Amino acid sequence: MAVRVVVAEDSYLIREGLRLLLATQHDVDLVASVASLPELVEAVGAHAPDVVVTDVRMPPSNRDEGIQAAETFARSHPGMGMVVLSQYAEPEWALRLFDGGAAGRAHLLKERVGDVDQLRQALQAVTSGGSVVDPLVVEALVKERTGATRSPLDRLTAREHEVLELMASGWSNSAIAKRLVLGERAVEKHVSSVLWKLDLPPTTGPSTGGCGRCSST
């Protein structure tokens, strides 16, 4: 079945570009295209999509509506994927997006959306409960979390470094599993562990080597 998608973007040109891009994908069904947070909430209520692709800033305040939507939908539509687009790699937005776990969440810079393969990978990843983080967003997060003495990257195992590199390049959990010859469950645990060690989502501490609150574990 086609993945049902709602797009929220206040720029007409970008919104139309996304519509045309998604129209080339036979297994993607764009069910609504809106320009503001209130319209997005209404569209999700009416269509119950599999994935929302949303700008981080749009009316009414043009501040953080995409993140607000992700936080709201995490409660009202917990199984729905979220792909948040931003023009800049802001650590605060990423931290809020992944609050409570990374499953079904993706954060991409807008410069990536012209690449249909990257957008498609993000849709597939969040639909299957995986996650995608733009490489520049990962870099910004690491810089934000890097203190005076030791980089949080030093806490990762060699395997976790491999998983992080592929995840930051837009690979889905299933693609990472095939590349590294691992089970998808093992990849999910590695992703959760990476996020916990980098202090990305808030955690209560690792219970099985992964993120204490990530739903993928």
N, C-alpha and C. Protein backbone atom coordinates (compact mmCIF):
# COMPACT_ATOMS: atom_id res chain seq x y z
N MET A 1 0.83 -1.19 0.00
CA MET A 1 0.00 0.00 0.00
C MET A 1 0.88 1.25 0.00
N ALA A 2 0.37 2.31 -0.62
CA ALA A 2 1.12 3.56 -0.70
C ALA A 2 1.19 4.22 0.67
N VAL A 3 2.30 4.89 0.95
CA VAL A 3 2.46 5.66 2.17
C VAL A 3 1.67 6.96 2.01
N ARG A 4 0.75 7.22 2.93
CA ARG A 4 -0.09 8.41 2.85
C ARG A 4 0.60 9.55 3.58
N VAL A 5 0.79 10.67 2.85
CA VAL A 5 1.61 11.76 3.35
C VAL A 5 0.83 13.07 3.35
N VAL A 6 1.02 13.85 4.41
CA VAL A 6 0.55 15.24 4.46
C VAL A 6 1.79 16.13 4.50
N VAL A 7 1.81 17.14 3.64
CA VAL A 7 2.92 18.10 3.60
C VAL A 7 2.46 19.42 4.17
N ALA A 8 3.29 20.01 5.03
CA ALA A 8 3.00 21.34 5.60
C ALA A 8 4.20 22.24 5.34
N GLU A 9 4.01 23.26 4.51
CA GLU A 9 5.09 24.16 4.12
C GLU A 9 4.47 25.48 3.66
N ASP A 10 4.88 26.59 4.28
CA ASP A 10 4.24 27.86 3.94
C ASP A 10 4.75 28.46 2.64
N SER A 11 5.95 28.06 2.18
CA SER A 11 6.45 28.55 0.91
C SER A 11 5.77 27.80 -0.24
N TYR A 12 5.09 28.55 -1.08
CA TYR A 12 4.37 27.92 -2.20
C TYR A 12 5.32 27.15 -3.11
N LEU A 13 6.48 27.73 -3.38
CA LEU A 13 7.42 27.09 -4.30
C LEU A 13 7.93 25.77 -3.74
N ILE A 14 8.29 25.76 -2.47
CA ILE A 14 8.78 24.51 -1.86
C ILE A 14 7.65 23.50 -1.74
N ARG A 15 6.45 23.99 -1.38
CA ARG A 15 5.31 23.09 -1.26
C ARG A 15 5.00 22.42 -2.60
N GLU A 16 5.03 23.21 -3.67
CA GLU A 16 4.77 22.65 -5.00
C GLU A 16 5.90 21.71 -5.42
N GLY A 17 7.13 22.08 -5.05
CA GLY A 17 8.26 21.21 -5.38
C GLY A 17 8.13 19.85 -4.71
N LEU A 18 7.71 19.86 -3.44
CA LEU A 18 7.49 18.60 -2.74
C LEU A 18 6.35 17.81 -3.38
N ARG A 19 5.30 18.52 -3.76
CA ARG A 19 4.16 17.82 -4.38
C ARG A 19 4.60 17.13 -5.67
N LEU A 20 5.34 17.85 -6.51
CA LEU A 20 5.79 17.28 -7.77
C LEU A 20 6.78 16.14 -7.54
N LEU A 21 7.64 16.31 -6.54
CA LEU A 21 8.62 15.28 -6.24
C LEU A 21 7.94 14.00 -5.77
N LEU A 22 6.98 14.15 -4.87
CA LEU A 22 6.28 12.97 -4.34
C LEU A 22 5.39 12.32 -5.39
N ALA A 23 4.93 13.11 -6.34
CA ALA A 23 4.09 12.57 -7.40
C ALA A 23 4.84 11.58 -8.29
N THR A 24 6.18 11.64 -8.28
CA THR A 24 6.97 10.70 -9.09
C THR A 24 7.12 9.35 -8.42
N GLN A 25 6.68 9.25 -7.16
CA GLN A 25 6.83 8.00 -6.40
C GLN A 25 5.51 7.23 -6.40
N HIS A 26 5.50 6.07 -7.02
CA HIS A 26 4.26 5.32 -7.19
C HIS A 26 3.72 4.80 -5.86
N ASP A 27 4.58 4.68 -4.86
CA ASP A 27 4.14 4.14 -3.58
C ASP A 27 3.96 5.22 -2.51
N VAL A 28 3.81 6.47 -2.95
CA VAL A 28 3.54 7.58 -2.05
C VAL A 28 2.27 8.29 -2.49
N ASP A 29 1.36 8.51 -1.57
CA ASP A 29 0.09 9.18 -1.85
C ASP A 29 0.01 10.47 -1.04
N LEU A 30 0.14 11.61 -1.72
CA LEU A 30 0.04 12.90 -1.05
C LEU A 30 -1.43 13.23 -0.85
N VAL A 31 -1.91 13.13 0.37
CA VAL A 31 -3.34 13.28 0.63
C VAL A 31 -3.73 14.72 0.96
N ALA A 32 -2.76 15.55 1.36
CA ALA A 32 -3.06 16.95 1.65
C ALA A 32 -1.77 17.75 1.65
N SER A 33 -1.90 19.03 1.26
CA SER A 33 -0.77 19.95 1.25
C SER A 33 -1.24 21.27 1.85
N VAL A 34 -0.65 21.69 2.96
CA VAL A 34 -1.14 22.84 3.70
C VAL A 34 -0.01 23.82 3.98
N ALA A 35 -0.38 25.01 4.52
CA ALA A 35 0.60 26.08 4.68
C ALA A 35 0.71 26.63 6.09
N SER A 36 0.02 26.04 7.07
CA SER A 36 0.07 26.57 8.43
C SER A 36 -0.18 25.45 9.44
N LEU A 37 0.15 25.72 10.70
CA LEU A 37 -0.06 24.74 11.75
C LEU A 37 -1.54 24.39 11.94
N PRO A 38 -2.44 25.36 12.02
CA PRO A 38 -3.85 24.99 12.15
C PRO A 38 -4.35 24.11 11.00
N GLU A 39 -3.91 24.43 9.78
CA GLU A 39 -4.30 23.60 8.63
C GLU A 39 -3.72 22.20 8.73
N LEU A 40 -2.49 22.10 9.26
CA LEU A 40 -1.86 20.79 9.42
C LEU A 40 -2.63 19.94 10.42
N VAL A 41 -2.98 20.52 11.55
CA VAL A 41 -3.75 19.79 12.56
C VAL A 41 -5.07 19.31 11.98
N GLU A 42 -5.72 20.16 11.21
CA GLU A 42 -6.99 19.79 10.58
C GLU A 42 -6.80 18.67 9.57
N ALA A 43 -5.73 18.76 8.76
CA ALA A 43 -5.48 17.75 7.72
C ALA A 43 -5.17 16.40 8.34
N VAL A 44 -4.39 16.38 9.42
CA VAL A 44 -4.07 15.12 10.09
C VAL A 44 -5.33 14.51 10.68
N GLY A 45 -6.19 15.34 11.26
CA GLY A 45 -7.44 14.83 11.81
C GLY A 45 -8.35 14.26 10.74
N ALA A 46 -8.32 14.87 9.56
CA ALA A 46 -9.21 14.43 8.48
C ALA A 46 -8.69 13.21 7.73
N HIS A 47 -7.36 13.11 7.58
CA HIS A 47 -6.80 12.07 6.71
C HIS A 47 -6.03 10.98 7.44
N ALA A 48 -5.64 11.21 8.69
CA ALA A 48 -4.85 10.23 9.45
C ALA A 48 -3.72 9.64 8.60
N PRO A 49 -2.77 10.49 8.15
CA PRO A 49 -1.70 10.00 7.27
C PRO A 49 -0.72 9.10 7.98
N ASP A 50 0.10 8.42 7.20
CA ASP A 50 1.17 7.61 7.76
C ASP A 50 2.35 8.49 8.18
N VAL A 51 2.58 9.57 7.40
CA VAL A 51 3.73 10.44 7.64
C VAL A 51 3.33 11.89 7.41
N VAL A 52 3.86 12.78 8.24
CA VAL A 52 3.77 14.22 8.02
C VAL A 52 5.15 14.73 7.66
N VAL A 53 5.23 15.48 6.57
CA VAL A 53 6.46 16.18 6.20
C VAL A 53 6.20 17.66 6.43
N THR A 54 6.88 18.26 7.39
CA THR A 54 6.55 19.63 7.78
C THR A 54 7.77 20.53 7.90
N ASP A 55 7.57 21.77 7.52
CA ASP A 55 8.58 22.80 7.77
C ASP A 55 8.63 23.05 9.27
N VAL A 56 9.78 23.44 9.78
CA VAL A 56 9.88 23.72 11.21
C VAL A 56 9.24 25.06 11.55
N ARG A 57 9.22 25.99 10.59
CA ARG A 57 8.64 27.31 10.81
C ARG A 57 7.54 27.58 9.78
N MET A 58 6.38 27.98 10.25
CA MET A 58 5.27 28.34 9.38
C MET A 58 4.25 29.12 10.20
N PRO A 59 3.24 29.71 9.56
CA PRO A 59 2.22 30.45 10.32
C PRO A 59 1.53 29.54 11.34
N PRO A 60 1.06 30.12 12.46
CA PRO A 60 0.82 31.56 12.61
C PRO A 60 1.98 32.39 13.14
N SER A 61 2.98 31.82 13.80
CA SER A 61 4.02 32.64 14.41
C SER A 61 5.37 32.55 13.70
N ASN A 62 5.53 31.53 12.81
CA ASN A 62 6.80 31.33 12.11
C ASN A 62 7.98 31.18 13.07
N ARG A 63 7.76 30.36 14.10
CA ARG A 63 8.82 30.12 15.08
C ARG A 63 9.23 28.65 15.13
N ASP A 64 8.37 27.79 15.65
CA ASP A 64 8.72 26.37 15.82
C ASP A 64 7.50 25.48 15.63
N GLU A 65 6.61 25.87 14.72
CA GLU A 65 5.34 25.14 14.56
C GLU A 65 5.54 23.66 14.20
N GLY A 66 6.57 23.37 13.40
CA GLY A 66 6.81 21.97 13.04
C GLY A 66 7.14 21.12 14.24
N ILE A 67 7.92 21.66 15.17
CA ILE A 67 8.26 20.94 16.39
C ILE A 67 7.04 20.84 17.30
N GLN A 68 6.25 21.92 17.37
CA GLN A 68 5.01 21.86 18.13
C GLN A 68 4.11 20.74 17.61
N ALA A 69 4.02 20.65 16.28
CA ALA A 69 3.19 19.61 15.67
C ALA A 69 3.70 18.23 16.04
N ALA A 70 5.03 18.03 16.00
CA ALA A 70 5.60 16.72 16.35
C ALA A 70 5.29 16.37 17.79
N GLU A 71 5.39 17.35 18.68
CA GLU A 71 5.10 17.10 20.10
C GLU A 71 3.62 16.76 20.31
N THR A 72 2.75 17.47 19.59
CA THR A 72 1.31 17.21 19.72
C THR A 72 0.94 15.85 19.15
N PHE A 73 1.45 15.55 17.96
CA PHE A 73 1.10 14.29 17.30
C PHE A 73 1.71 13.08 18.00
N ALA A 74 2.81 13.28 18.73
CA ALA A 74 3.38 12.16 19.50
C ALA A 74 2.37 11.64 20.50
N ARG A 75 1.50 12.54 20.98
CA ARG A 75 0.46 12.14 21.93
C ARG A 75 -0.82 11.69 21.22
N SER A 76 -1.24 12.44 20.21
CA SER A 76 -2.52 12.15 19.57
C SER A 76 -2.43 11.09 18.48
N HIS A 77 -1.30 10.97 17.80
CA HIS A 77 -1.10 9.99 16.72
C HIS A 77 0.27 9.34 16.89
N PRO A 78 0.47 8.53 17.94
CA PRO A 78 1.80 8.01 18.27
C PRO A 78 2.43 7.13 17.20
N GLY A 79 1.65 6.56 16.31
CA GLY A 79 2.23 5.71 15.28
C GLY A 79 2.56 6.43 13.99
N MET A 80 2.33 7.72 13.95
CA MET A 80 2.53 8.49 12.71
C MET A 80 3.96 8.99 12.62
N GLY A 81 4.58 8.83 11.45
CA GLY A 81 5.94 9.31 11.24
C GLY A 81 5.98 10.81 11.05
N MET A 82 7.10 11.43 11.45
CA MET A 82 7.30 12.87 11.30
C MET A 82 8.64 13.13 10.62
N VAL A 83 8.60 13.87 9.52
CA VAL A 83 9.82 14.34 8.86
C VAL A 83 9.81 15.86 8.96
N VAL A 84 10.70 16.41 9.75
CA VAL A 84 10.76 17.85 9.97
C VAL A 84 11.89 18.44 9.14
N LEU A 85 11.54 19.48 8.39
CA LEU A 85 12.51 20.16 7.52
C LEU A 85 12.87 21.51 8.11
N SER A 86 14.14 21.85 8.07
CA SER A 86 14.56 23.17 8.55
C SER A 86 15.65 23.71 7.63
N GLN A 87 15.77 25.02 7.63
CA GLN A 87 16.79 25.65 6.80
C GLN A 87 18.15 25.63 7.49
N TYR A 88 18.12 25.61 8.82
CA TYR A 88 19.36 25.63 9.59
C TYR A 88 19.40 24.45 10.55
N ALA A 89 20.62 24.04 10.90
CA ALA A 89 20.82 22.93 11.84
C ALA A 89 20.79 23.48 13.26
N GLU A 90 19.60 23.57 13.85
CA GLU A 90 19.43 24.09 15.20
C GLU A 90 19.34 22.93 16.19
N PRO A 91 20.31 22.79 17.08
CA PRO A 91 20.29 21.68 18.05
C PRO A 91 19.01 21.62 18.88
N GLU A 92 18.49 22.77 19.28
CA GLU A 92 17.30 22.78 20.13
C GLU A 92 16.12 22.09 19.45
N TRP A 93 15.95 22.36 18.16
CA TRP A 93 14.84 21.74 17.44
C TRP A 93 15.00 20.23 17.39
N ALA A 94 16.22 19.77 17.11
CA ALA A 94 16.45 18.33 17.04
C ALA A 94 16.23 17.67 18.38
N LEU A 95 16.69 18.31 19.45
CA LEU A 95 16.51 17.73 20.79
C LEU A 95 15.04 17.60 21.12
N ARG A 96 14.25 18.60 20.79
CA ARG A 96 12.82 18.53 21.07
C ARG A 96 12.14 17.49 20.19
N LEU A 97 12.58 17.39 18.93
CA LEU A 97 11.97 16.42 18.02
C LEU A 97 12.18 15.00 18.53
N PHE A 98 13.36 14.72 19.06
CA PHE A 98 13.69 13.37 19.51
C PHE A 98 13.40 13.15 20.99
N ASP A 99 12.75 14.11 21.61
CA ASP A 99 12.38 13.97 23.01
C ASP A 99 11.44 12.77 23.16
N GLY A 100 11.81 11.83 24.02
CA GLY A 100 10.99 10.66 24.23
C GLY A 100 11.33 9.50 23.31
N GLY A 101 12.31 9.68 22.41
CA GLY A 101 12.69 8.59 21.52
C GLY A 101 12.78 9.03 20.08
N ALA A 102 13.59 8.33 19.31
CA ALA A 102 13.82 8.70 17.92
C ALA A 102 12.96 7.92 16.93
N ALA A 103 12.24 6.91 17.40
CA ALA A 103 11.47 6.07 16.49
C ALA A 103 10.44 6.89 15.71
N GLY A 104 10.45 6.72 14.40
CA GLY A 104 9.47 7.41 13.56
C GLY A 104 9.73 8.89 13.38
N ARG A 105 10.97 9.33 13.60
CA ARG A 105 11.31 10.75 13.51
C ARG A 105 12.47 10.95 12.54
N ALA A 106 12.40 12.01 11.75
CA ALA A 106 13.49 12.38 10.86
C ALA A 106 13.64 13.89 10.86
N HIS A 107 14.87 14.35 10.82
CA HIS A 107 15.16 15.77 10.76
C HIS A 107 16.12 16.00 9.60
N LEU A 108 15.64 16.69 8.55
CA LEU A 108 16.45 16.96 7.37
C LEU A 108 16.55 18.45 7.13
N LEU A 109 17.65 18.88 6.55
CA LEU A 109 17.75 20.25 6.10
C LEU A 109 17.03 20.39 4.76
N LYS A 110 16.49 21.57 4.51
CA LYS A 110 15.70 21.77 3.30
C LYS A 110 16.50 21.54 2.02
N GLU A 111 17.80 21.74 2.12
CA GLU A 111 18.62 21.54 0.94
C GLU A 111 18.60 20.09 0.47
N ARG A 112 18.14 19.18 1.32
CA ARG A 112 18.10 17.75 0.96
C ARG A 112 16.84 17.37 0.19
N VAL A 113 15.78 18.19 0.29
CA VAL A 113 14.49 17.73 -0.21
C VAL A 113 14.44 17.63 -1.72
N GLY A 114 15.40 18.25 -2.42
CA GLY A 114 15.43 18.10 -3.87
C GLY A 114 15.95 16.75 -4.30
N ASP A 115 16.51 16.00 -3.37
CA ASP A 115 17.03 14.66 -3.65
C ASP A 115 15.94 13.66 -3.31
N VAL A 116 15.29 13.14 -4.32
CA VAL A 116 14.15 12.26 -4.09
C VAL A 116 14.56 11.00 -3.34
N ASP A 117 15.79 10.53 -3.54
CA ASP A 117 16.24 9.32 -2.85
C ASP A 117 16.34 9.56 -1.35
N GLN A 118 16.87 10.72 -0.95
CA GLN A 118 16.98 11.01 0.48
C GLN A 118 15.60 11.18 1.11
N LEU A 119 14.71 11.87 0.40
CA LEU A 119 13.36 12.05 0.92
C LEU A 119 12.65 10.71 1.02
N ARG A 120 12.82 9.89 0.03
CA ARG A 120 12.19 8.56 0.04
C ARG A 120 12.72 7.71 1.19
N GLN A 121 14.04 7.76 1.41
CA GLN A 121 14.63 7.01 2.52
C GLN A 121 14.06 7.48 3.85
N ALA A 122 13.89 8.80 3.98
CA ALA A 122 13.33 9.33 5.23
C ALA A 122 11.91 8.85 5.44
N LEU A 123 11.09 8.86 4.38
CA LEU A 123 9.71 8.38 4.48
C LEU A 123 9.67 6.91 4.85
N GLN A 124 10.51 6.11 4.20
CA GLN A 124 10.54 4.68 4.51
C GLN A 124 11.00 4.43 5.94
N ALA A 125 12.00 5.20 6.38
CA ALA A 125 12.54 4.99 7.72
C ALA A 125 11.50 5.29 8.79
N VAL A 126 10.85 6.45 8.71
CA VAL A 126 9.90 6.81 9.77
C VAL A 126 8.66 5.94 9.72
N THR A 127 8.28 5.48 8.53
CA THR A 127 7.13 4.60 8.42
C THR A 127 7.37 3.27 9.12
N SER A 128 8.61 2.81 9.07
CA SER A 128 8.95 1.52 9.69
C SER A 128 9.43 1.67 11.13
N GLY A 129 9.34 2.89 11.68
CA GLY A 129 9.75 3.10 13.05
C GLY A 129 11.21 3.46 13.22
N GLY A 130 11.90 3.70 12.10
CA GLY A 130 13.30 4.09 12.16
C GLY A 130 13.46 5.59 12.31
N SER A 131 14.67 6.07 12.10
CA SER A 131 14.93 7.50 12.24
C SER A 131 16.02 7.91 11.27
N VAL A 132 16.00 9.20 10.90
CA VAL A 132 17.01 9.76 10.02
C VAL A 132 17.40 11.12 10.57
N VAL A 133 18.69 11.38 10.65
CA VAL A 133 19.17 12.69 11.11
C VAL A 133 20.14 13.21 10.07
N ASP A 134 19.90 14.43 9.60
CA ASP A 134 20.79 15.05 8.62
C ASP A 134 22.20 15.12 9.18
N PRO A 135 23.21 14.84 8.37
CA PRO A 135 24.59 14.89 8.86
C PRO A 135 24.96 16.22 9.51
N LEU A 136 24.49 17.34 8.96
CA LEU A 136 24.80 18.64 9.54
C LEU A 136 24.09 18.84 10.87
N VAL A 137 22.92 18.23 11.02
CA VAL A 137 22.22 18.30 12.30
C VAL A 137 22.98 17.50 13.34
N VAL A 138 23.47 16.32 12.96
CA VAL A 138 24.28 15.52 13.88
C VAL A 138 25.51 16.31 14.31
N GLU A 139 26.16 16.96 13.35
CA GLU A 139 27.35 17.74 13.66
C GLU A 139 27.03 18.85 14.66
N ALA A 140 25.90 19.54 14.43
CA ALA A 140 25.49 20.62 15.33
C ALA A 140 25.17 20.09 16.72
N LEU A 141 24.51 18.92 16.78
CA LEU A 141 24.19 18.32 18.07
C LEU A 141 25.45 17.93 18.83
N VAL A 142 26.39 17.34 18.13
CA VAL A 142 27.63 16.92 18.77
C VAL A 142 28.39 18.14 19.30
N LYS A 143 28.45 19.19 18.48
CA LYS A 143 29.13 20.41 18.92
C LYS A 143 28.43 21.00 20.15
N GLU A 144 27.12 20.94 20.15
CA GLU A 144 26.35 21.46 21.27
C GLU A 144 26.64 20.67 22.54
N ARG A 145 26.81 19.36 22.38
CA ARG A 145 27.00 18.49 23.54
C ARG A 145 28.46 18.34 23.95
N THR A 146 29.37 18.78 23.07
CA THR A 146 30.79 18.61 23.37
C THR A 146 31.21 19.61 24.44
N GLY A 147 31.72 19.10 25.55
CA GLY A 147 32.16 19.96 26.64
C GLY A 147 33.60 20.39 26.46
N ALA A 148 34.22 20.66 27.55
CA ALA A 148 35.57 21.18 27.48
C ALA A 148 36.61 20.08 27.31
N THR A 149 36.33 18.87 27.78
CA THR A 149 37.38 17.87 27.85
C THR A 149 37.22 16.72 26.87
N ARG A 150 36.06 16.14 26.80
CA ARG A 150 35.92 14.87 26.07
C ARG A 150 34.70 14.90 25.16
N SER A 151 34.90 14.50 23.92
CA SER A 151 33.79 14.47 22.98
C SER A 151 32.88 13.30 23.31
N PRO A 152 31.54 13.49 23.22
CA PRO A 152 30.62 12.37 23.46
C PRO A 152 30.80 11.26 22.44
N LEU A 153 31.40 11.58 21.30
CA LEU A 153 31.64 10.54 20.30
C LEU A 153 32.62 9.49 20.81
N ASP A 154 33.45 9.88 21.78
CA ASP A 154 34.40 8.92 22.34
C ASP A 154 33.71 7.81 23.11
N ARG A 155 32.45 8.02 23.46
CA ARG A 155 31.71 7.02 24.23
C ARG A 155 31.17 5.90 23.35
N LEU A 156 31.20 6.10 22.04
CA LEU A 156 30.61 5.13 21.13
C LEU A 156 31.57 3.98 20.85
N THR A 157 30.99 2.80 20.67
CA THR A 157 31.78 1.65 20.23
C THR A 157 32.05 1.78 18.73
N ALA A 158 32.93 0.92 18.23
CA ALA A 158 33.24 0.95 16.79
C ALA A 158 31.98 0.67 15.97
N ARG A 159 31.17 -0.29 16.42
CA ARG A 159 29.93 -0.60 15.70
C ARG A 159 28.97 0.57 15.74
N GLU A 160 28.89 1.26 16.88
CA GLU A 160 27.99 2.40 16.99
C GLU A 160 28.45 3.55 16.10
N HIS A 161 29.76 3.71 15.93
CA HIS A 161 30.26 4.71 14.99
C HIS A 161 29.79 4.39 13.57
N GLU A 162 29.83 3.11 13.20
CA GLU A 162 29.36 2.70 11.88
C GLU A 162 27.88 3.01 11.71
N VAL A 163 27.09 2.69 12.72
CA VAL A 163 25.65 2.92 12.66
C VAL A 163 25.36 4.42 12.56
N LEU A 164 26.07 5.23 13.37
CA LEU A 164 25.86 6.68 13.35
C LEU A 164 26.19 7.26 11.99
N GLU A 165 27.28 6.83 11.40
CA GLU A 165 27.68 7.34 10.09
C GLU A 165 26.61 7.05 9.04
N LEU A 166 26.07 5.83 9.04
CA LEU A 166 25.05 5.46 8.07
C LEU A 166 23.73 6.18 8.36
N MET A 167 23.38 6.29 9.64
CA MET A 167 22.15 6.97 10.02
C MET A 167 22.20 8.44 9.61
N ALA A 168 23.35 9.07 9.83
CA ALA A 168 23.50 10.48 9.48
C ALA A 168 23.51 10.70 7.98
N SER A 169 23.78 9.64 7.22
CA SER A 169 23.75 9.74 5.76
C SER A 169 22.37 9.45 5.18
N GLY A 170 21.40 9.23 6.07
CA GLY A 170 20.03 9.05 5.62
C GLY A 170 19.61 7.61 5.41
N TRP A 171 20.41 6.65 5.90
CA TRP A 171 20.06 5.25 5.72
C TRP A 171 18.97 4.85 6.72
N SER A 172 18.02 4.06 6.25
CA SER A 172 16.98 3.53 7.13
C SER A 172 17.56 2.40 7.98
N ASN A 173 16.83 2.01 9.02
CA ASN A 173 17.30 0.91 9.87
C ASN A 173 17.45 -0.38 9.08
N SER A 174 16.50 -0.63 8.18
CA SER A 174 16.58 -1.87 7.40
C SER A 174 17.78 -1.86 6.46
N ALA A 175 18.09 -0.68 5.88
CA ALA A 175 19.24 -0.58 4.98
C ALA A 175 20.55 -0.75 5.77
N ILE A 176 20.58 -0.18 6.98
CA ILE A 176 21.77 -0.33 7.83
C ILE A 176 21.96 -1.80 8.19
N ALA A 177 20.85 -2.48 8.50
CA ALA A 177 20.92 -3.89 8.87
C ALA A 177 21.53 -4.72 7.73
N LYS A 178 21.09 -4.44 6.50
CA LYS A 178 21.62 -5.19 5.36
C LYS A 178 23.09 -4.87 5.13
N ARG A 179 23.46 -3.58 5.26
CA ARG A 179 24.84 -3.16 5.02
C ARG A 179 25.79 -3.79 6.04
N LEU A 180 25.38 -3.82 7.30
CA LEU A 180 26.25 -4.32 8.36
C LEU A 180 26.01 -5.79 8.71
N VAL A 181 25.09 -6.41 7.95
CA VAL A 181 24.75 -7.83 8.16
C VAL A 181 24.31 -8.04 9.62
N LEU A 182 23.31 -7.27 10.03
CA LEU A 182 22.74 -7.37 11.36
C LEU A 182 21.24 -7.52 11.27
N GLY A 183 20.61 -7.96 12.33
CA GLY A 183 19.16 -7.97 12.40
C GLY A 183 18.65 -6.55 12.64
N GLU A 184 17.44 -6.25 12.18
CA GLU A 184 16.89 -4.91 12.37
C GLU A 184 16.73 -4.58 13.84
N ARG A 185 16.40 -5.57 14.65
CA ARG A 185 16.27 -5.35 16.10
C ARG A 185 17.60 -4.91 16.69
N ALA A 186 18.69 -5.52 16.21
CA ALA A 186 20.02 -5.16 16.70
C ALA A 186 20.36 -3.72 16.30
N VAL A 187 19.98 -3.35 15.08
CA VAL A 187 20.23 -1.98 14.62
C VAL A 187 19.45 -0.98 15.47
N GLU A 188 18.19 -1.30 15.77
CA GLU A 188 17.37 -0.42 16.60
C GLU A 188 18.04 -0.19 17.95
N LYS A 189 18.60 -1.25 18.53
CA LYS A 189 19.27 -1.11 19.83
C LYS A 189 20.53 -0.25 19.70
N HIS A 190 21.27 -0.43 18.60
CA HIS A 190 22.46 0.39 18.39
C HIS A 190 22.07 1.86 18.24
N VAL A 191 21.01 2.14 17.47
CA VAL A 191 20.57 3.53 17.27
C VAL A 191 20.17 4.15 18.61
N SER A 192 19.41 3.41 19.40
CA SER A 192 18.99 3.91 20.70
C SER A 192 20.19 4.17 21.60
N SER A 193 21.18 3.28 21.56
CA SER A 193 22.37 3.44 22.37
C SER A 193 23.17 4.66 21.94
N VAL A 194 23.28 4.86 20.62
CA VAL A 194 23.99 6.03 20.09
C VAL A 194 23.33 7.32 20.59
N LEU A 195 22.01 7.39 20.46
CA LEU A 195 21.30 8.60 20.88
C LEU A 195 21.44 8.83 22.37
N TRP A 196 21.39 7.75 23.15
CA TRP A 196 21.54 7.90 24.60
C TRP A 196 22.94 8.39 24.95
N LYS A 197 23.97 7.81 24.35
CA LYS A 197 25.34 8.19 24.66
C LYS A 197 25.66 9.62 24.22
N LEU A 198 24.98 10.10 23.17
CA LEU A 198 25.18 11.48 22.73
C LEU A 198 24.25 12.44 23.45
N ASP A 199 23.46 11.91 24.39
CA ASP A 199 22.53 12.73 25.18
C ASP A 199 21.51 13.45 24.30
N LEU A 200 21.05 12.78 23.25
CA LEU A 200 20.10 13.43 22.35
C LEU A 200 18.69 13.41 22.92
N PRO A 201 18.02 12.23 23.06
CA PRO A 201 16.73 12.27 23.73
C PRO A 201 16.92 12.21 25.23
N PRO A 202 16.05 12.87 26.02
CA PRO A 202 16.14 12.70 27.47
C PRO A 202 15.95 11.24 27.83
N THR A 203 16.69 10.76 28.79
CA THR A 203 16.61 9.36 29.17
C THR A 203 16.54 9.21 30.68
N THR A 204 16.10 8.04 31.08
CA THR A 204 16.15 7.70 32.50
C THR A 204 17.29 6.75 32.78
N GLY A 205 18.14 6.57 31.74
CA GLY A 205 19.28 5.67 31.91
C GLY A 205 19.06 4.41 31.10
N PRO A 206 20.12 3.82 30.59
CA PRO A 206 20.00 2.63 29.74
C PRO A 206 19.63 1.41 30.55
N SER A 207 18.65 0.67 30.06
CA SER A 207 18.27 -0.56 30.75
C SER A 207 18.87 -1.78 30.10
N THR A 208 19.05 -1.74 28.77
CA THR A 208 19.62 -2.88 28.07
C THR A 208 20.69 -2.41 27.11
N GLY A 209 21.42 -1.38 27.47
CA GLY A 209 22.46 -0.87 26.60
C GLY A 209 21.93 0.14 25.62
N GLY A 210 20.66 0.50 25.71
CA GLY A 210 20.08 1.44 24.77
C GLY A 210 19.46 2.59 25.49
N CYS A 211 18.63 3.34 24.78
CA CYS A 211 17.99 4.51 25.35
C CYS A 211 16.87 4.08 26.28
N GLY A 212 16.86 4.64 27.49
CA GLY A 212 15.91 4.20 28.50
C GLY A 212 14.48 4.50 28.15
N ARG A 213 14.21 5.45 27.24
CA ARG A 213 12.84 5.80 26.93
C ARG A 213 12.52 5.67 25.46
N CYS A 214 13.45 5.15 24.65
CA CYS A 214 13.18 5.03 23.23
C CYS A 214 12.25 3.87 22.98
N SER A 215 11.20 4.13 22.20
CA SER A 215 10.21 3.09 21.95
C SER A 215 10.77 1.98 21.08
N SER A 216 11.87 2.26 20.34
CA SER A 216 12.42 1.23 19.47
C SER A 216 13.11 0.14 20.26
N THR A 217 13.38 0.35 21.55
CA THR A 217 13.99 -0.71 22.34
C THR A 217 12.95 -1.53 23.03
